[in-house]
Amino acid sequence: MAGATVTVTDANFEETVLKSDKPVLVDFWAAWCGPCRQIAPSLEAIAAEHDEIVIAKLNIDENPGTAAKYGVMSIPTLNVYKGGEVVKTIVGAKPKAAIERDLADFLA
């Protein structure tokens, strides 16, 4: 059974994301970002429907170190990490179907 999104921080990023045995999509977001709020329900739905990928959220205002490390300049930015590396980057708000198409390589 798939679950909900997980919250990651600068402190647990390595353990939760980089060391994960599954691909992890990290949503770099902020509370003031309208497009971030727009895609949040789609990401929740993908998390609920797919247990082969972890959907994580990182608030860039509360965790600026990780966002800076990965060069996140605009939000929402969705990075997919596999084996500790960024293997895909999606920038901007998209409908759920478009996000799922972008994630096709990682979804069963």
C-alpha atoms as a PDB file:
ATOM      1  CA  MET A   1       0.000   0.000   0.000  1.00  0.00           C
ATOM      2  CA  ALA A   2       1.384   3.364  -0.984  1.00  0.00           C
ATOM      3  CA  GLY A   3       1.416   6.214   1.472  1.00  0.00           C
ATOM      4  CA  ALA A   4       1.484   9.927   1.840  1.00  0.00           C
ATOM      5  CA  THR A   5       4.245  12.362   1.065  1.00  0.00           C
ATOM      6  CA  VAL A   6       7.138  12.576   3.497  1.00  0.00           C
ATOM      7  CA  THR A   7       8.752  15.758   4.766  1.00  0.00           C
ATOM      8  CA  VAL A   8      12.508  16.066   4.363  1.00  0.00           C
ATOM      9  CA  THR A   9      14.847  18.634   5.875  1.00  0.00           C
ATOM     10  CA  ASP A  10      18.474  19.633   5.512  1.00  0.00           C
ATOM     11  CA  ALA A  11      19.133  17.390   8.526  1.00  0.00           C
ATOM     12  CA  ASN A  12      17.537  14.173   7.216  1.00  0.00           C
ATOM     13  CA  PHE A  13      17.978  14.665   3.450  1.00  0.00           C
ATOM     14  CA  GLU A  14      20.922  12.321   3.071  1.00  0.00           C
ATOM     15  CA  GLU A  15      19.312   9.527   5.088  1.00  0.00           C
ATOM     16  CA  THR A  16      15.800   9.885   3.642  1.00  0.00           C
ATOM     17  CA  VAL A  17      16.602  10.742   0.023  1.00  0.00           C
ATOM     18  CA  LEU A  18      20.162   9.927  -0.966  1.00  0.00           C
ATOM     19  CA  LYS A  19      20.293   6.567   0.833  1.00  0.00           C
ATOM     20  CA  SER A  20      16.791   5.448  -0.192  1.00  0.00           C
ATOM     21  CA  ASP A  21      16.534   2.103  -1.990  1.00  0.00           C
ATOM     22  CA  LYS A  22      13.651   3.540  -4.056  1.00  0.00           C
ATOM     23  CA  PRO A  23      13.650   6.556  -6.372  1.00  0.00           C
ATOM     24  CA  VAL A  24      12.674   9.685  -4.443  1.00  0.00           C
ATOM     25  CA  LEU A  25      10.932  12.693  -5.970  1.00  0.00           C
ATOM     26  CA  VAL A  26      11.722  15.772  -3.890  1.00  0.00           C
ATOM     27  CA  ASP A  27       9.337  18.700  -4.243  1.00  0.00           C
ATOM     28  CA  PHE A  28      11.265  21.886  -3.440  1.00  0.00           C
ATOM     29  CA  TRP A  29       8.494  24.266  -2.348  1.00  0.00           C
ATOM     30  CA  ALA A  30       7.541  27.200  -0.112  1.00  0.00           C
ATOM     31  CA  ALA A  31       4.317  28.200   1.625  1.00  0.00           C
ATOM     32  CA  TRP A  32       4.098  31.480  -0.330  1.00  0.00           C
ATOM     33  CA  CYS A  33       4.417  29.742  -3.727  1.00  0.00           C
ATOM     34  CA  GLY A  34       1.061  29.504  -5.535  1.00  0.00           C
ATOM     35  CA  PRO A  35       2.192  26.953  -8.163  1.00  0.00           C
ATOM     36  CA  CYS A  36       3.627  24.822  -5.329  1.00  0.00           C
ATOM     37  CA  ARG A  37       0.226  24.741  -3.658  1.00  0.00           C
ATOM     38  CA  GLN A  38      -1.344  23.996  -7.060  1.00  0.00           C
ATOM     39  CA  ILE A  39       0.657  20.775  -7.595  1.00  0.00           C
ATOM     40  CA  ALA A  40       0.538  19.566  -3.971  1.00  0.00           C
ATOM     41  CA  PRO A  41      -2.710  17.559  -4.411  1.00  0.00           C
ATOM     42  CA  SER A  42      -1.282  15.867  -7.525  1.00  0.00           C
ATOM     43  CA  LEU A  43       1.850  14.854  -5.622  1.00  0.00           C
ATOM     44  CA  GLU A  44      -0.264  13.562  -2.716  1.00  0.00           C
ATOM     45  CA  ALA A  45      -2.286  11.481  -5.195  1.00  0.00           C
ATOM     46  CA  ILE A  46       0.846  10.087  -6.869  1.00  0.00           C
ATOM     47  CA  ALA A  47       2.229   9.193  -3.428  1.00  0.00           C
ATOM     48  CA  ALA A  48      -1.025   7.422  -2.565  1.00  0.00           C
ATOM     49  CA  GLU A  49      -1.143   5.519  -5.864  1.00  0.00           C
ATOM     50  CA  HIS A  50       2.506   4.472  -6.260  1.00  0.00           C
ATOM     51  CA  ASP A  51       4.648   2.739  -3.653  1.00  0.00           C
ATOM     52  CA  GLU A  52       7.577   2.246  -6.050  1.00  0.00           C
ATOM     53  CA  ILE A  53       8.595   5.893  -5.643  1.00  0.00           C
ATOM     54  CA  VAL A  54       8.857   8.066  -2.534  1.00  0.00           C
ATOM     55  CA  ILE A  55       7.328  11.546  -2.805  1.00  0.00           C
ATOM     56  CA  ALA A  56       9.099  13.959  -0.460  1.00  0.00           C
ATOM     57  CA  LYS A  57       8.616  17.665   0.208  1.00  0.00           C
ATOM     58  CA  LEU A  58      11.359  20.083   1.228  1.00  0.00           C
ATOM     59  CA  ASN A  59      10.416  23.604   2.330  1.00  0.00           C
ATOM     60  CA  ILE A  60      13.160  25.822   0.892  1.00  0.00           C
ATOM     61  CA  ASP A  61      12.537  28.629   3.408  1.00  0.00           C
ATOM     62  CA  GLU A  62      13.117  26.262   6.325  1.00  0.00           C
ATOM     63  CA  ASN A  63      15.878  24.243   4.609  1.00  0.00           C
ATOM     64  CA  PRO A  64      17.896  26.568   2.365  1.00  0.00           C
ATOM     65  CA  GLY A  65      21.075  24.464   2.452  1.00  0.00           C
ATOM     66  CA  THR A  66      19.782  21.543   0.412  1.00  0.00           C
ATOM     67  CA  ALA A  67      18.040  23.809  -2.107  1.00  0.00           C
ATOM     68  CA  ALA A  68      21.281  25.759  -2.589  1.00  0.00           C
ATOM     69  CA  LYS A  69      23.358  22.580  -2.876  1.00  0.00           C
ATOM     70  CA  TYR A  70      21.214  21.344  -5.761  1.00  0.00           C
ATOM     71  CA  GLY A  71      20.964  24.748  -7.468  1.00  0.00           C
ATOM     72  CA  VAL A  72      17.215  25.137  -7.053  1.00  0.00           C
ATOM     73  CA  MET A  73      16.549  28.615  -8.442  1.00  0.00           C
ATOM     74  CA  SER A  74      12.792  28.521  -9.030  1.00  0.00           C
ATOM     75  CA  ILE A  75       9.989  26.601  -7.423  1.00  0.00           C
ATOM     76  CA  PRO A  76       8.307  24.297  -7.672  1.00  0.00           C
ATOM     77  CA  THR A  77      11.295  22.190  -8.696  1.00  0.00           C
ATOM     78  CA  LEU A  78      10.847  18.424  -8.591  1.00  0.00           C
ATOM     79  CA  ASN A  79      14.104  16.466  -8.520  1.00  0.00           C
ATOM     80  CA  VAL A  80      14.115  12.692  -8.794  1.00  0.00           C
ATOM     81  CA  TYR A  81      17.002  11.062  -6.930  1.00  0.00           C
ATOM     82  CA  LYS A  82      18.098   7.500  -7.576  1.00  0.00           C
ATOM     83  CA  GLY A  83      21.219   5.977  -6.076  1.00  0.00           C
ATOM     84  CA  GLY A  84      22.082   9.304  -4.455  1.00  0.00           C
ATOM     85  CA  GLU A  85      22.098  11.201  -7.761  1.00  0.00           C
ATOM     86  CA  VAL A  86      19.644  13.563  -9.470  1.00  0.00           C
ATOM     87  CA  VAL A  87      18.337  11.601 -12.452  1.00  0.00           C
ATOM     88  CA  LYS A  88      15.485  13.919 -13.490  1.00  0.00           C
ATOM     89  CA  THR A  89      14.435  17.513 -12.870  1.00  0.00           C
ATOM     90  CA  ILE A  90      10.959  18.908 -13.497  1.00  0.00           C
ATOM     91  CA  VAL A  91      10.498  22.670 -13.069  1.00  0.00           C
ATOM     92  CA  GLY A  92       7.161  24.416 -12.765  1.00  0.00           C
ATOM     93  CA  ALA A  93       3.588  23.420 -12.087  1.00  0.00           C
ATOM     94  CA  LYS A  94       2.032  20.770 -14.301  1.00  0.00           C
ATOM     95  CA  PRO A  95      -1.154  18.724 -14.190  1.00  0.00           C
ATOM     96  CA  LYS A  96      -0.967  15.329 -12.493  1.00  0.00           C
ATOM     97  CA  ALA A  97      -1.032  13.453 -15.814  1.00  0.00           C
ATOM     98  CA  ALA A  98       1.966  15.446 -17.080  1.00  0.00           C
ATOM     99  CA  ILE A  99       3.911  14.793 -13.873  1.00  0.00           C
ATOM    100  CA  GLU A 100       3.126  11.082 -14.183  1.00  0.00           C
ATOM    101  CA  ARG A 101       4.344  11.120 -17.805  1.00  0.00           C
ATOM    102  CA  ASP A 102       7.576  12.771 -16.648  1.00  0.00           C
ATOM    103  CA  LEU A 103       7.913  10.053 -13.998  1.00  0.00           C
ATOM    104  CA  ALA A 104       7.070   7.148 -16.340  1.00  0.00           C
ATOM    105  CA  ASP A 105      10.567   5.679 -16.024  1.00  0.00           C
ATOM    106  CA  PHE A 106      10.118   5.398 -12.255  1.00  0.00           C
ATOM    107  CA  LEU A 107       6.481   4.299 -11.988  1.00  0.00           C
ATOM    108  CA  ALA A 108       5.307   0.713 -12.396  1.00  0.00           C
END
